[in-house]
N, C-alpha and C. Protein backbone atom coordinates (compact mmCIF):
# COMPACT_ATOMS: atom_id res chain seq x y z
N MET A 1 14.11 -4.15 16.07
CA MET A 1 13.67 -2.87 15.52
C MET A 1 14.61 -1.73 15.91
N LYS A 2 15.18 -1.81 17.12
CA LYS A 2 15.93 -0.69 17.66
C LYS A 2 17.11 -0.30 16.78
N GLU A 3 17.80 -1.28 16.19
CA GLU A 3 19.01 -0.97 15.43
C GLU A 3 18.73 -0.17 14.17
N ARG A 4 17.48 -0.18 13.67
CA ARG A 4 17.16 0.55 12.45
C ARG A 4 16.70 1.99 12.74
N PHE A 5 16.58 2.32 14.02
CA PHE A 5 16.05 3.63 14.37
C PHE A 5 17.14 4.69 14.30
N GLN A 6 16.81 5.82 13.67
CA GLN A 6 17.73 6.95 13.59
C GLN A 6 16.98 8.22 13.98
N LYS A 7 17.58 9.01 14.85
CA LYS A 7 16.92 10.22 15.31
C LYS A 7 16.98 11.31 14.24
N PRO A 8 15.81 11.79 13.78
CA PRO A 8 15.78 12.83 12.77
C PRO A 8 15.49 14.17 13.42
N THR A 9 15.23 15.18 12.59
CA THR A 9 14.87 16.49 13.12
C THR A 9 13.53 16.43 13.84
N THR A 10 12.57 15.76 13.25
CA THR A 10 11.25 15.62 13.85
C THR A 10 11.14 14.23 14.45
N LEU A 11 11.24 14.15 15.75
CA LEU A 11 11.26 12.85 16.40
C LEU A 11 9.95 12.10 16.23
N ALA A 12 8.83 12.79 16.39
CA ALA A 12 7.53 12.12 16.29
C ALA A 12 7.34 11.49 14.92
N THR A 13 7.80 12.18 13.88
CA THR A 13 7.67 11.65 12.51
C THR A 13 8.48 10.38 12.34
N GLU A 14 9.69 10.36 12.88
CA GLU A 14 10.54 9.18 12.76
C GLU A 14 10.02 8.02 13.62
N ILE A 15 9.52 8.34 14.79
CA ILE A 15 8.95 7.28 15.63
C ILE A 15 7.75 6.65 14.93
N ALA A 16 6.91 7.49 14.34
CA ALA A 16 5.74 6.99 13.61
C ALA A 16 6.18 6.11 12.45
N ARG A 17 7.21 6.52 11.71
CA ARG A 17 7.72 5.71 10.59
C ARG A 17 8.25 4.38 11.10
N HIS A 18 8.99 4.44 12.19
CA HIS A 18 9.59 3.26 12.80
C HIS A 18 8.51 2.24 13.20
N LEU A 19 7.48 2.70 13.87
CA LEU A 19 6.39 1.83 14.29
C LEU A 19 5.55 1.35 13.11
N ARG A 20 5.33 2.25 12.16
CA ARG A 20 4.52 1.90 10.97
C ARG A 20 5.16 0.73 10.22
N GLU A 21 6.47 0.80 10.01
CA GLU A 21 7.16 -0.27 9.31
C GLU A 21 7.10 -1.58 10.10
N ALA A 22 7.20 -1.48 11.42
CA ALA A 22 7.12 -2.69 12.24
C ALA A 22 5.74 -3.34 12.14
N ILE A 23 4.70 -2.52 12.07
CA ILE A 23 3.34 -3.05 11.94
C ILE A 23 3.15 -3.67 10.56
N ILE A 24 3.56 -2.95 9.53
CA ILE A 24 3.38 -3.41 8.16
C ILE A 24 4.11 -4.74 7.92
N LYS A 25 5.30 -4.86 8.50
CA LYS A 25 6.10 -6.08 8.28
C LYS A 25 5.74 -7.20 9.25
N GLY A 26 4.78 -6.94 10.13
CA GLY A 26 4.35 -7.99 11.04
C GLY A 26 5.22 -8.16 12.26
N GLU A 27 6.18 -7.26 12.49
CA GLU A 27 7.02 -7.33 13.68
C GLU A 27 6.20 -6.99 14.92
N LEU A 28 5.18 -6.17 14.74
CA LEU A 28 4.17 -5.93 15.77
C LEU A 28 2.88 -6.56 15.26
N ALA A 29 2.41 -7.57 15.94
CA ALA A 29 1.28 -8.36 15.45
C ALA A 29 -0.06 -7.69 15.75
N PRO A 30 -1.09 -8.02 14.98
CA PRO A 30 -2.44 -7.50 15.26
C PRO A 30 -2.84 -7.81 16.70
N GLY A 31 -3.33 -6.78 17.41
CA GLY A 31 -3.74 -6.94 18.79
C GLY A 31 -2.63 -6.73 19.80
N GLU A 32 -1.38 -6.69 19.34
CA GLU A 32 -0.25 -6.53 20.26
C GLU A 32 -0.23 -5.13 20.84
N ARG A 33 0.11 -5.04 22.10
CA ARG A 33 0.17 -3.75 22.77
C ARG A 33 1.45 -3.02 22.40
N VAL A 34 1.33 -1.72 22.16
CA VAL A 34 2.50 -0.86 21.96
C VAL A 34 2.74 -0.17 23.29
N ASN A 35 3.72 -0.67 24.02
CA ASN A 35 3.99 -0.19 25.36
C ASN A 35 4.74 1.14 25.30
N GLU A 36 4.03 2.19 25.64
CA GLU A 36 4.60 3.53 25.53
C GLU A 36 5.85 3.70 26.40
N SER A 37 5.80 3.21 27.62
CA SER A 37 6.94 3.35 28.54
C SER A 37 8.16 2.58 28.03
N LYS A 38 7.93 1.35 27.57
CA LYS A 38 9.03 0.53 27.06
C LYS A 38 9.63 1.15 25.81
N LEU A 39 8.78 1.64 24.92
CA LEU A 39 9.26 2.27 23.69
C LEU A 39 10.09 3.50 24.02
N THR A 40 9.64 4.26 24.99
CA THR A 40 10.38 5.46 25.41
C THR A 40 11.77 5.09 25.93
N ARG A 41 11.82 4.03 26.72
CA ARG A 41 13.12 3.58 27.26
C ARG A 41 14.00 3.02 26.16
N ASP A 42 13.44 2.16 25.31
CA ASP A 42 14.24 1.50 24.27
C ASP A 42 14.87 2.50 23.31
N LEU A 43 14.12 3.54 22.96
CA LEU A 43 14.62 4.51 21.98
C LEU A 43 15.35 5.69 22.64
N GLY A 44 15.31 5.74 23.97
CA GLY A 44 16.01 6.81 24.67
C GLY A 44 15.41 8.18 24.43
N LEU A 45 14.08 8.23 24.45
CA LEU A 45 13.38 9.48 24.13
C LEU A 45 12.43 9.86 25.26
N SER A 46 11.92 11.08 25.18
CA SER A 46 10.90 11.51 26.12
C SER A 46 9.54 11.01 25.65
N ARG A 47 8.55 11.07 26.50
CA ARG A 47 7.24 10.52 26.18
C ARG A 47 6.47 11.37 25.17
N SER A 48 6.74 12.65 25.13
CA SER A 48 5.94 13.54 24.29
C SER A 48 5.95 13.14 22.81
N PRO A 49 7.13 12.97 22.16
CA PRO A 49 7.11 12.58 20.74
C PRO A 49 6.58 11.17 20.53
N VAL A 50 6.75 10.29 21.52
CA VAL A 50 6.23 8.93 21.40
C VAL A 50 4.71 8.97 21.38
N ARG A 51 4.12 9.76 22.27
CA ARG A 51 2.66 9.90 22.30
C ARG A 51 2.14 10.52 21.02
N GLU A 52 2.86 11.51 20.52
CA GLU A 52 2.44 12.15 19.28
C GLU A 52 2.47 11.15 18.12
N ALA A 53 3.52 10.32 18.07
CA ALA A 53 3.63 9.30 17.01
C ALA A 53 2.49 8.30 17.11
N ILE A 54 2.13 7.90 18.31
CA ILE A 54 1.03 6.96 18.50
C ILE A 54 -0.27 7.55 18.01
N ARG A 55 -0.49 8.84 18.26
CA ARG A 55 -1.71 9.50 17.77
C ARG A 55 -1.73 9.54 16.25
N VAL A 56 -0.56 9.74 15.63
CA VAL A 56 -0.48 9.73 14.17
C VAL A 56 -0.91 8.37 13.62
N LEU A 57 -0.40 7.31 14.21
CA LEU A 57 -0.75 5.96 13.74
C LEU A 57 -2.20 5.60 14.05
N GLU A 58 -2.74 6.18 15.10
CA GLU A 58 -4.17 5.99 15.36
C GLU A 58 -5.00 6.63 14.25
N SER A 59 -4.59 7.83 13.83
CA SER A 59 -5.32 8.52 12.77
C SER A 59 -5.21 7.78 11.44
N GLU A 60 -4.13 7.02 11.25
CA GLU A 60 -3.94 6.23 10.03
C GLU A 60 -4.66 4.88 10.10
N GLY A 61 -5.23 4.57 11.25
CA GLY A 61 -5.96 3.32 11.39
C GLY A 61 -5.08 2.11 11.70
N LEU A 62 -3.83 2.35 12.07
CA LEU A 62 -2.92 1.25 12.38
C LEU A 62 -2.93 0.88 13.86
N LEU A 63 -3.30 1.83 14.71
CA LEU A 63 -3.37 1.59 16.15
C LEU A 63 -4.75 1.97 16.67
N THR A 64 -5.13 1.34 17.77
CA THR A 64 -6.33 1.76 18.49
C THR A 64 -5.90 2.18 19.89
N LEU A 65 -6.54 3.23 20.40
CA LEU A 65 -6.26 3.74 21.74
C LEU A 65 -7.49 3.55 22.60
N GLU A 66 -7.33 2.89 23.74
CA GLU A 66 -8.45 2.66 24.64
C GLU A 66 -8.08 3.14 26.04
N PRO A 67 -9.03 3.75 26.73
CA PRO A 67 -8.76 4.22 28.11
C PRO A 67 -8.30 3.07 29.00
N HIS A 68 -7.23 3.30 29.74
CA HIS A 68 -6.68 2.35 30.71
C HIS A 68 -6.06 1.10 30.06
N ARG A 69 -6.11 1.01 28.73
CA ARG A 69 -5.51 -0.15 28.05
C ARG A 69 -4.37 0.26 27.13
N GLY A 70 -4.29 1.52 26.81
CA GLY A 70 -3.22 2.01 25.97
C GLY A 70 -3.42 1.74 24.49
N ALA A 71 -2.30 1.67 23.75
CA ALA A 71 -2.34 1.51 22.30
C ALA A 71 -2.11 0.05 21.92
N HIS A 72 -2.89 -0.42 20.95
CA HIS A 72 -2.74 -1.77 20.41
C HIS A 72 -2.76 -1.72 18.89
N VAL A 73 -2.06 -2.65 18.27
CA VAL A 73 -2.07 -2.75 16.81
C VAL A 73 -3.49 -3.16 16.39
N ARG A 74 -4.05 -2.40 15.49
CA ARG A 74 -5.43 -2.65 15.08
C ARG A 74 -5.52 -3.89 14.20
N PRO A 75 -6.31 -4.89 14.65
CA PRO A 75 -6.51 -6.07 13.80
C PRO A 75 -7.28 -5.68 12.54
N VAL A 76 -7.08 -6.42 11.49
CA VAL A 76 -7.75 -6.13 10.23
C VAL A 76 -8.58 -7.34 9.83
N GLY A 77 -9.88 -7.12 9.59
CA GLY A 77 -10.77 -8.21 9.23
C GLY A 77 -11.16 -8.16 7.77
N ASP A 78 -11.99 -9.11 7.38
CA ASP A 78 -12.45 -9.20 5.99
C ASP A 78 -13.21 -7.96 5.56
N ASP A 79 -14.00 -7.40 6.47
CA ASP A 79 -14.78 -6.20 6.13
C ASP A 79 -13.86 -5.02 5.83
N ASP A 80 -12.80 -4.89 6.63
CA ASP A 80 -11.83 -3.82 6.38
C ASP A 80 -11.19 -4.00 5.01
N LEU A 81 -10.84 -5.24 4.73
CA LEU A 81 -10.20 -5.54 3.45
C LEU A 81 -11.11 -5.18 2.28
N GLN A 82 -12.37 -5.55 2.40
CA GLN A 82 -13.34 -5.25 1.34
C GLN A 82 -13.45 -3.75 1.13
N GLU A 83 -13.55 -2.99 2.20
CA GLU A 83 -13.68 -1.53 2.09
C GLU A 83 -12.45 -0.90 1.46
N ILE A 84 -11.27 -1.37 1.88
CA ILE A 84 -10.03 -0.81 1.35
C ILE A 84 -9.90 -1.08 -0.15
N PHE A 85 -10.20 -2.30 -0.56
CA PHE A 85 -10.06 -2.62 -1.98
C PHE A 85 -11.17 -2.00 -2.82
N ASP A 86 -12.37 -1.81 -2.25
CA ASP A 86 -13.42 -1.08 -2.97
C ASP A 86 -12.97 0.35 -3.24
N LEU A 87 -12.38 0.96 -2.23
CA LEU A 87 -11.89 2.33 -2.39
C LEU A 87 -10.75 2.38 -3.39
N ARG A 88 -9.88 1.40 -3.32
CA ARG A 88 -8.76 1.35 -4.26
C ARG A 88 -9.26 1.24 -5.70
N LEU A 89 -10.28 0.42 -5.90
CA LEU A 89 -10.84 0.26 -7.25
C LEU A 89 -11.38 1.59 -7.77
N MET A 90 -12.11 2.30 -6.94
CA MET A 90 -12.68 3.59 -7.36
C MET A 90 -11.58 4.59 -7.71
N ILE A 91 -10.55 4.63 -6.88
CA ILE A 91 -9.49 5.61 -7.09
C ILE A 91 -8.68 5.29 -8.35
N GLU A 92 -8.32 4.02 -8.54
CA GLU A 92 -7.42 3.67 -9.64
C GLU A 92 -8.11 3.64 -10.99
N SER A 93 -9.43 3.46 -11.00
CA SER A 93 -10.13 3.42 -12.28
C SER A 93 -10.78 4.76 -12.64
N HIS A 94 -10.75 5.70 -11.71
CA HIS A 94 -11.46 6.98 -11.92
C HIS A 94 -10.94 7.72 -13.15
N GLY A 95 -9.61 7.79 -13.27
CA GLY A 95 -9.04 8.54 -14.38
C GLY A 95 -9.40 7.95 -15.74
N LEU A 96 -9.59 6.63 -15.80
CA LEU A 96 -9.91 5.97 -17.07
C LEU A 96 -11.39 6.13 -17.44
N ARG A 97 -12.23 6.31 -16.44
CA ARG A 97 -13.67 6.40 -16.70
C ARG A 97 -14.16 7.84 -16.77
N ARG A 98 -13.25 8.79 -16.55
CA ARG A 98 -13.63 10.20 -16.53
C ARG A 98 -12.83 10.96 -17.59
N ASP A 99 -13.53 11.76 -18.37
CA ASP A 99 -12.87 12.61 -19.37
C ASP A 99 -11.89 11.81 -20.23
N GLY A 100 -12.41 10.82 -20.93
CA GLY A 100 -11.57 9.94 -21.73
C GLY A 100 -10.75 10.67 -22.77
N HIS A 101 -11.23 11.83 -23.23
CA HIS A 101 -10.48 12.56 -24.25
C HIS A 101 -9.14 13.08 -23.72
N ARG A 102 -9.00 13.15 -22.39
CA ARG A 102 -7.75 13.62 -21.79
C ARG A 102 -6.68 12.53 -21.81
N ILE A 103 -7.10 11.26 -21.94
CA ILE A 103 -6.15 10.15 -21.85
C ILE A 103 -5.56 9.89 -23.23
N THR A 104 -4.57 10.68 -23.57
CA THR A 104 -3.89 10.56 -24.87
C THR A 104 -2.69 9.62 -24.75
N ALA A 105 -2.08 9.35 -25.89
CA ALA A 105 -0.89 8.49 -25.90
C ALA A 105 0.23 9.09 -25.04
N ASP A 106 0.36 10.41 -25.06
CA ASP A 106 1.40 11.07 -24.27
C ASP A 106 1.14 10.92 -22.78
N VAL A 107 -0.12 10.90 -22.40
CA VAL A 107 -0.48 10.74 -20.99
C VAL A 107 -0.22 9.30 -20.53
N ILE A 108 -0.49 8.36 -21.40
CA ILE A 108 -0.31 6.94 -21.08
C ILE A 108 1.17 6.55 -21.05
N ALA A 109 1.98 7.20 -21.87
CA ALA A 109 3.39 6.80 -22.07
C ALA A 109 4.18 6.57 -20.78
N PRO A 110 4.05 7.42 -19.75
CA PRO A 110 4.85 7.20 -18.53
C PRO A 110 4.54 5.89 -17.80
N LEU A 111 3.40 5.27 -18.09
CA LEU A 111 3.05 4.02 -17.42
C LEU A 111 3.86 2.83 -17.94
N ARG A 112 4.41 2.96 -19.12
CA ARG A 112 5.14 1.84 -19.71
C ARG A 112 6.44 1.54 -18.95
N ALA A 113 7.16 2.58 -18.53
CA ALA A 113 8.47 2.38 -17.89
C ALA A 113 8.40 1.51 -16.64
N PRO A 114 7.49 1.77 -15.68
CA PRO A 114 7.48 0.89 -14.50
C PRO A 114 7.07 -0.54 -14.81
N VAL A 115 6.22 -0.74 -15.82
CA VAL A 115 5.84 -2.10 -16.20
C VAL A 115 7.05 -2.85 -16.76
N ASP A 116 7.82 -2.18 -17.62
CA ASP A 116 9.02 -2.81 -18.18
C ASP A 116 10.06 -3.07 -17.09
N GLU A 117 10.21 -2.11 -16.18
CA GLU A 117 11.17 -2.27 -15.09
C GLU A 117 10.78 -3.44 -14.19
N ALA A 118 9.49 -3.57 -13.93
CA ALA A 118 9.01 -4.66 -13.09
C ALA A 118 9.25 -6.00 -13.76
N ARG A 119 9.06 -6.07 -15.08
CA ARG A 119 9.27 -7.32 -15.81
C ARG A 119 10.73 -7.76 -15.68
N LYS A 120 11.66 -6.81 -15.81
CA LYS A 120 13.08 -7.15 -15.71
C LYS A 120 13.43 -7.62 -14.30
N ALA A 121 12.85 -6.97 -13.30
CA ALA A 121 13.13 -7.37 -11.91
C ALA A 121 12.59 -8.77 -11.64
N LEU A 122 11.41 -9.05 -12.16
CA LEU A 122 10.79 -10.36 -11.94
C LEU A 122 11.60 -11.47 -12.59
N ALA A 123 12.23 -11.18 -13.71
CA ALA A 123 13.03 -12.18 -14.43
C ALA A 123 14.22 -12.65 -13.61
N THR A 124 14.64 -11.82 -12.65
CA THR A 124 15.77 -12.19 -11.78
C THR A 124 15.32 -12.48 -10.35
N ASN A 125 14.01 -12.66 -10.18
CA ASN A 125 13.43 -12.94 -8.87
C ASN A 125 13.72 -11.85 -7.84
N ALA A 126 13.88 -10.63 -8.33
CA ALA A 126 14.08 -9.48 -7.44
C ALA A 126 12.70 -8.94 -7.04
N PHE A 127 12.07 -9.63 -6.09
CA PHE A 127 10.67 -9.35 -5.78
C PHE A 127 10.45 -7.97 -5.18
N GLU A 128 11.38 -7.51 -4.35
CA GLU A 128 11.21 -6.18 -3.76
C GLU A 128 11.27 -5.11 -4.84
N ALA A 129 12.23 -5.24 -5.77
CA ALA A 129 12.35 -4.28 -6.87
C ALA A 129 11.12 -4.35 -7.76
N TRP A 130 10.64 -5.58 -7.99
CA TRP A 130 9.40 -5.74 -8.77
C TRP A 130 8.24 -5.04 -8.10
N HIS A 131 8.14 -5.19 -6.79
CA HIS A 131 7.04 -4.59 -6.03
C HIS A 131 7.09 -3.06 -6.12
N ARG A 132 8.28 -2.49 -5.96
CA ARG A 132 8.41 -1.03 -6.02
C ARG A 132 8.01 -0.49 -7.39
N ALA A 133 8.45 -1.17 -8.44
CA ALA A 133 8.09 -0.74 -9.79
C ALA A 133 6.58 -0.89 -10.02
N SER A 134 6.00 -1.95 -9.50
CA SER A 134 4.57 -2.17 -9.66
C SER A 134 3.77 -1.10 -8.94
N LEU A 135 4.25 -0.67 -7.77
CA LEU A 135 3.58 0.41 -7.05
C LEU A 135 3.59 1.70 -7.86
N ARG A 136 4.69 1.95 -8.56
CA ARG A 136 4.76 3.16 -9.40
C ARG A 136 3.75 3.08 -10.55
N PHE A 137 3.52 1.87 -11.06
CA PHE A 137 2.52 1.70 -12.10
C PHE A 137 1.14 2.06 -11.57
N HIS A 138 0.82 1.58 -10.38
CA HIS A 138 -0.48 1.90 -9.78
C HIS A 138 -0.58 3.39 -9.46
N ASP A 139 0.53 3.99 -9.02
CA ASP A 139 0.53 5.44 -8.80
C ASP A 139 0.20 6.18 -10.10
N GLY A 140 0.75 5.66 -11.20
CA GLY A 140 0.50 6.27 -12.50
C GLY A 140 -0.95 6.19 -12.92
N LEU A 141 -1.61 5.08 -12.59
CA LEU A 141 -3.05 4.95 -12.89
C LEU A 141 -3.84 6.02 -12.15
N VAL A 142 -3.50 6.25 -10.90
CA VAL A 142 -4.18 7.27 -10.12
C VAL A 142 -3.92 8.67 -10.70
N ALA A 143 -2.69 8.89 -11.14
CA ALA A 143 -2.30 10.20 -11.68
C ALA A 143 -3.07 10.55 -12.94
N LEU A 144 -3.61 9.56 -13.65
CA LEU A 144 -4.36 9.83 -14.88
C LEU A 144 -5.56 10.74 -14.63
N ALA A 145 -6.08 10.71 -13.40
CA ALA A 145 -7.25 11.54 -13.09
C ALA A 145 -6.90 13.02 -12.99
N GLY A 146 -5.62 13.33 -12.76
CA GLY A 146 -5.22 14.72 -12.62
C GLY A 146 -5.91 15.40 -11.46
N ASN A 147 -6.12 14.66 -10.37
CA ASN A 147 -6.88 15.15 -9.22
C ASN A 147 -5.99 15.06 -7.98
N ARG A 148 -5.58 16.21 -7.46
CA ARG A 148 -4.66 16.24 -6.33
C ARG A 148 -5.28 15.64 -5.07
N GLN A 149 -6.55 15.88 -4.86
CA GLN A 149 -7.21 15.33 -3.67
C GLN A 149 -7.28 13.80 -3.74
N LEU A 150 -7.52 13.30 -4.94
CA LEU A 150 -7.55 11.84 -5.13
C LEU A 150 -6.18 11.24 -4.89
N THR A 151 -5.16 11.93 -5.35
CA THR A 151 -3.79 11.47 -5.12
C THR A 151 -3.47 11.45 -3.64
N ARG A 152 -3.92 12.46 -2.92
CA ARG A 152 -3.69 12.51 -1.47
C ARG A 152 -4.38 11.34 -0.76
N LEU A 153 -5.62 11.07 -1.14
CA LEU A 153 -6.34 9.94 -0.55
C LEU A 153 -5.64 8.62 -0.85
N HIS A 154 -5.12 8.51 -2.06
CA HIS A 154 -4.41 7.30 -2.46
C HIS A 154 -3.16 7.10 -1.62
N GLU A 155 -2.44 8.18 -1.35
CA GLU A 155 -1.23 8.08 -0.52
C GLU A 155 -1.58 7.59 0.87
N GLU A 156 -2.70 8.06 1.42
CA GLU A 156 -3.12 7.60 2.74
C GLU A 156 -3.54 6.13 2.68
N LEU A 157 -4.23 5.76 1.62
CA LEU A 157 -4.70 4.38 1.47
C LEU A 157 -3.53 3.41 1.35
N LYS A 158 -2.44 3.83 0.74
CA LYS A 158 -1.29 2.96 0.52
C LYS A 158 -0.70 2.46 1.83
N ILE A 159 -0.85 3.23 2.89
CA ILE A 159 -0.34 2.79 4.19
C ILE A 159 -1.07 1.53 4.64
N SER A 160 -2.41 1.55 4.52
CA SER A 160 -3.19 0.37 4.89
C SER A 160 -2.93 -0.78 3.93
N LEU A 161 -2.79 -0.46 2.65
CA LEU A 161 -2.58 -1.51 1.65
C LEU A 161 -1.28 -2.26 1.87
N ARG A 162 -0.25 -1.58 2.34
CA ARG A 162 1.04 -2.23 2.50
C ARG A 162 0.99 -3.38 3.51
N ARG A 163 0.08 -3.28 4.48
CA ARG A 163 -0.06 -4.36 5.45
C ARG A 163 -0.48 -5.66 4.76
N TYR A 164 -1.27 -5.50 3.69
CA TYR A 164 -1.75 -6.67 2.96
C TYR A 164 -0.75 -7.10 1.89
N GLN A 165 -0.24 -6.13 1.15
CA GLN A 165 0.59 -6.44 -0.01
C GLN A 165 1.84 -7.21 0.36
N ILE A 166 2.41 -6.90 1.52
CA ILE A 166 3.66 -7.56 1.90
C ILE A 166 3.45 -9.06 2.10
N SER A 167 2.18 -9.47 2.35
CA SER A 167 1.89 -10.88 2.59
C SER A 167 1.87 -11.71 1.31
N ILE A 168 1.80 -11.04 0.15
CA ILE A 168 1.67 -11.80 -1.10
C ILE A 168 2.81 -11.55 -2.09
N ILE A 169 3.77 -10.69 -1.71
CA ILE A 169 4.85 -10.35 -2.64
C ILE A 169 5.57 -11.61 -3.13
N GLY A 170 5.88 -12.50 -2.19
CA GLY A 170 6.63 -13.70 -2.55
C GLY A 170 5.78 -14.94 -2.70
N SER A 171 4.44 -14.81 -2.73
CA SER A 171 3.57 -15.98 -2.88
C SER A 171 3.81 -16.62 -4.24
N PRO A 172 3.93 -17.95 -4.30
CA PRO A 172 4.20 -18.63 -5.57
C PRO A 172 3.19 -18.26 -6.65
N GLY A 173 3.69 -17.73 -7.75
CA GLY A 173 2.85 -17.41 -8.90
C GLY A 173 2.17 -16.06 -8.84
N GLN A 174 2.07 -15.44 -7.65
CA GLN A 174 1.33 -14.18 -7.56
C GLN A 174 2.03 -13.02 -8.27
N PRO A 175 3.33 -12.82 -8.08
CA PRO A 175 3.98 -11.73 -8.82
C PRO A 175 3.84 -11.89 -10.34
N GLU A 176 3.99 -13.13 -10.82
CA GLU A 176 3.88 -13.38 -12.26
C GLU A 176 2.46 -13.06 -12.75
N ARG A 177 1.47 -13.43 -11.96
CA ARG A 177 0.09 -13.14 -12.35
C ARG A 177 -0.17 -11.64 -12.37
N SER A 178 0.30 -10.94 -11.35
CA SER A 178 0.10 -9.50 -11.30
C SER A 178 0.81 -8.81 -12.46
N GLN A 179 2.03 -9.28 -12.76
CA GLN A 179 2.78 -8.69 -13.87
C GLN A 179 2.03 -8.86 -15.18
N ALA A 180 1.50 -10.06 -15.42
CA ALA A 180 0.75 -10.31 -16.64
C ALA A 180 -0.48 -9.40 -16.73
N GLU A 181 -1.11 -9.16 -15.60
CA GLU A 181 -2.28 -8.27 -15.58
C GLU A 181 -1.88 -6.82 -15.83
N HIS A 182 -0.74 -6.41 -15.28
CA HIS A 182 -0.23 -5.06 -15.57
C HIS A 182 0.05 -4.91 -17.07
N GLU A 183 0.67 -5.93 -17.65
CA GLU A 183 1.00 -5.90 -19.08
C GLU A 183 -0.27 -5.77 -19.92
N ALA A 184 -1.32 -6.50 -19.53
CA ALA A 184 -2.58 -6.44 -20.27
C ALA A 184 -3.22 -5.06 -20.16
N ILE A 185 -3.15 -4.47 -18.98
CA ILE A 185 -3.72 -3.13 -18.77
C ILE A 185 -3.01 -2.10 -19.64
N ILE A 186 -1.67 -2.08 -19.58
CA ILE A 186 -0.94 -1.07 -20.35
C ILE A 186 -1.11 -1.30 -21.85
N ASP A 187 -1.22 -2.55 -22.27
CA ASP A 187 -1.42 -2.84 -23.70
C ASP A 187 -2.77 -2.28 -24.16
N ALA A 188 -3.82 -2.47 -23.36
CA ALA A 188 -5.14 -1.95 -23.72
C ALA A 188 -5.11 -0.42 -23.79
N LEU A 189 -4.45 0.20 -22.83
CA LEU A 189 -4.42 1.66 -22.80
C LEU A 189 -3.62 2.22 -23.98
N GLU A 190 -2.51 1.58 -24.30
CA GLU A 190 -1.70 2.05 -25.43
C GLU A 190 -2.43 1.92 -26.76
N HIS A 191 -3.41 1.04 -26.81
CA HIS A 191 -4.22 0.88 -28.02
C HIS A 191 -5.52 1.68 -27.95
N GLY A 192 -5.60 2.57 -26.96
CA GLY A 192 -6.76 3.45 -26.85
C GLY A 192 -8.02 2.79 -26.36
N LYS A 193 -7.91 1.59 -25.79
CA LYS A 193 -9.09 0.86 -25.31
C LYS A 193 -9.29 1.15 -23.82
N LEU A 194 -9.83 2.34 -23.53
CA LEU A 194 -9.92 2.79 -22.15
C LEU A 194 -10.92 1.98 -21.33
N GLU A 195 -12.07 1.66 -21.92
CA GLU A 195 -13.06 0.87 -21.19
C GLU A 195 -12.52 -0.52 -20.87
N GLN A 196 -11.83 -1.11 -21.83
CA GLN A 196 -11.22 -2.41 -21.58
C GLN A 196 -10.15 -2.30 -20.50
N GLY A 197 -9.37 -1.23 -20.56
CA GLY A 197 -8.34 -1.00 -19.55
C GLY A 197 -8.94 -0.87 -18.16
N ALA A 198 -10.05 -0.13 -18.06
CA ALA A 198 -10.71 0.05 -16.77
C ALA A 198 -11.24 -1.28 -16.25
N ALA A 199 -11.78 -2.09 -17.14
CA ALA A 199 -12.29 -3.41 -16.74
C ALA A 199 -11.16 -4.31 -16.26
N LEU A 200 -10.02 -4.21 -16.93
CA LEU A 200 -8.86 -5.01 -16.53
C LEU A 200 -8.31 -4.55 -15.17
N VAL A 201 -8.35 -3.25 -14.93
CA VAL A 201 -7.94 -2.73 -13.61
C VAL A 201 -8.84 -3.30 -12.53
N ALA A 202 -10.16 -3.30 -12.79
CA ALA A 202 -11.11 -3.83 -11.82
C ALA A 202 -10.85 -5.31 -11.54
N ALA A 203 -10.60 -6.08 -12.59
CA ALA A 203 -10.33 -7.51 -12.41
C ALA A 203 -9.03 -7.73 -11.65
N HIS A 204 -8.03 -6.92 -11.95
CA HIS A 204 -6.74 -7.03 -11.29
C HIS A 204 -6.86 -6.77 -9.79
N ILE A 205 -7.56 -5.73 -9.42
CA ILE A 205 -7.70 -5.40 -8.01
C ILE A 205 -8.53 -6.45 -7.29
N THR A 206 -9.54 -6.99 -7.96
CA THR A 206 -10.32 -8.08 -7.37
C THR A 206 -9.44 -9.30 -7.13
N ASN A 207 -8.58 -9.61 -8.08
CA ASN A 207 -7.67 -10.75 -7.93
C ASN A 207 -6.69 -10.54 -6.78
N LEU A 208 -6.22 -9.30 -6.63
CA LEU A 208 -5.32 -8.99 -5.52
C LEU A 208 -6.03 -9.18 -4.18
N LYS A 209 -7.27 -8.72 -4.11
CA LYS A 209 -8.04 -8.86 -2.88
C LYS A 209 -8.20 -10.34 -2.52
N GLU A 210 -8.52 -11.16 -3.50
CA GLU A 210 -8.70 -12.59 -3.25
C GLU A 210 -7.39 -13.24 -2.81
N ALA A 211 -6.28 -12.81 -3.40
CA ALA A 211 -4.98 -13.36 -3.02
C ALA A 211 -4.63 -13.01 -1.59
N VAL A 212 -4.95 -11.77 -1.19
CA VAL A 212 -4.67 -11.34 0.17
C VAL A 212 -5.54 -12.11 1.17
N LEU A 213 -6.81 -12.31 0.83
CA LEU A 213 -7.70 -13.06 1.71
C LEU A 213 -7.17 -14.48 1.93
N LYS A 214 -6.67 -15.11 0.88
CA LYS A 214 -6.10 -16.45 1.01
C LYS A 214 -4.86 -16.43 1.91
N ALA A 215 -4.03 -15.38 1.74
CA ALA A 215 -2.82 -15.26 2.55
C ALA A 215 -3.17 -15.07 4.02
N MET A 216 -4.24 -14.32 4.29
CA MET A 216 -4.66 -14.09 5.67
C MET A 216 -5.14 -15.38 6.30
N VAL A 217 -5.85 -16.19 5.54
CA VAL A 217 -6.34 -17.47 6.05
C VAL A 217 -5.17 -18.40 6.41
N ARG A 218 -4.13 -18.40 5.55
CA ARG A 218 -2.97 -19.28 5.78
C ARG A 218 -2.23 -18.91 7.05
N THR A 219 -2.27 -17.63 7.42
CA THR A 219 -1.49 -17.19 8.59
C THR A 219 -2.29 -17.23 9.87
N GLU A 220 -3.57 -17.55 9.80
CA GLU A 220 -4.41 -17.58 11.00
C GLU A 220 -4.18 -18.88 11.79
């Protein structure tokens, strides 16, 4: 991890990013202790920004802080997964189920580009590029609501979601299945079938949840 660290203007922000990526990628395992003293020595920093970064990750739900035990990577269970995906479903389908007259062809049009980009990436097995384009598609679904507070909540939720999503990016058949579901969603929306589109979003997110649960079982 150390070689990827770069000191920015705001040290606490960079330390938090550094640790967040390590947690999301599994370099710091669930339950593993984040040794404040060792981290301070390894990165050549003072304790103050390290402590601030740890508090940031605690507020994001990635770390737990306990008296006399310090910081540990927060394990994630089935209940957490259910809550996160329930919230994701509400956020991503809200724009389609609210004020349908606002969802015009012009509003839907920006969703086509990331779906097409993802298809091209998948054709060359560029899974990371496919994943990034797919995330933009989901961001676009949230944007349909035109609700800044909802967008803010979604940005916070994406941090927790990344811990799960990285486990299924390269799973055999999963990217292809997700891509096909994205294609079906955008096709329904482009034909003005908002209720069908919302139902397809719900089915897609349910399928993602089930795929992540299977991935978690395989790694236990």
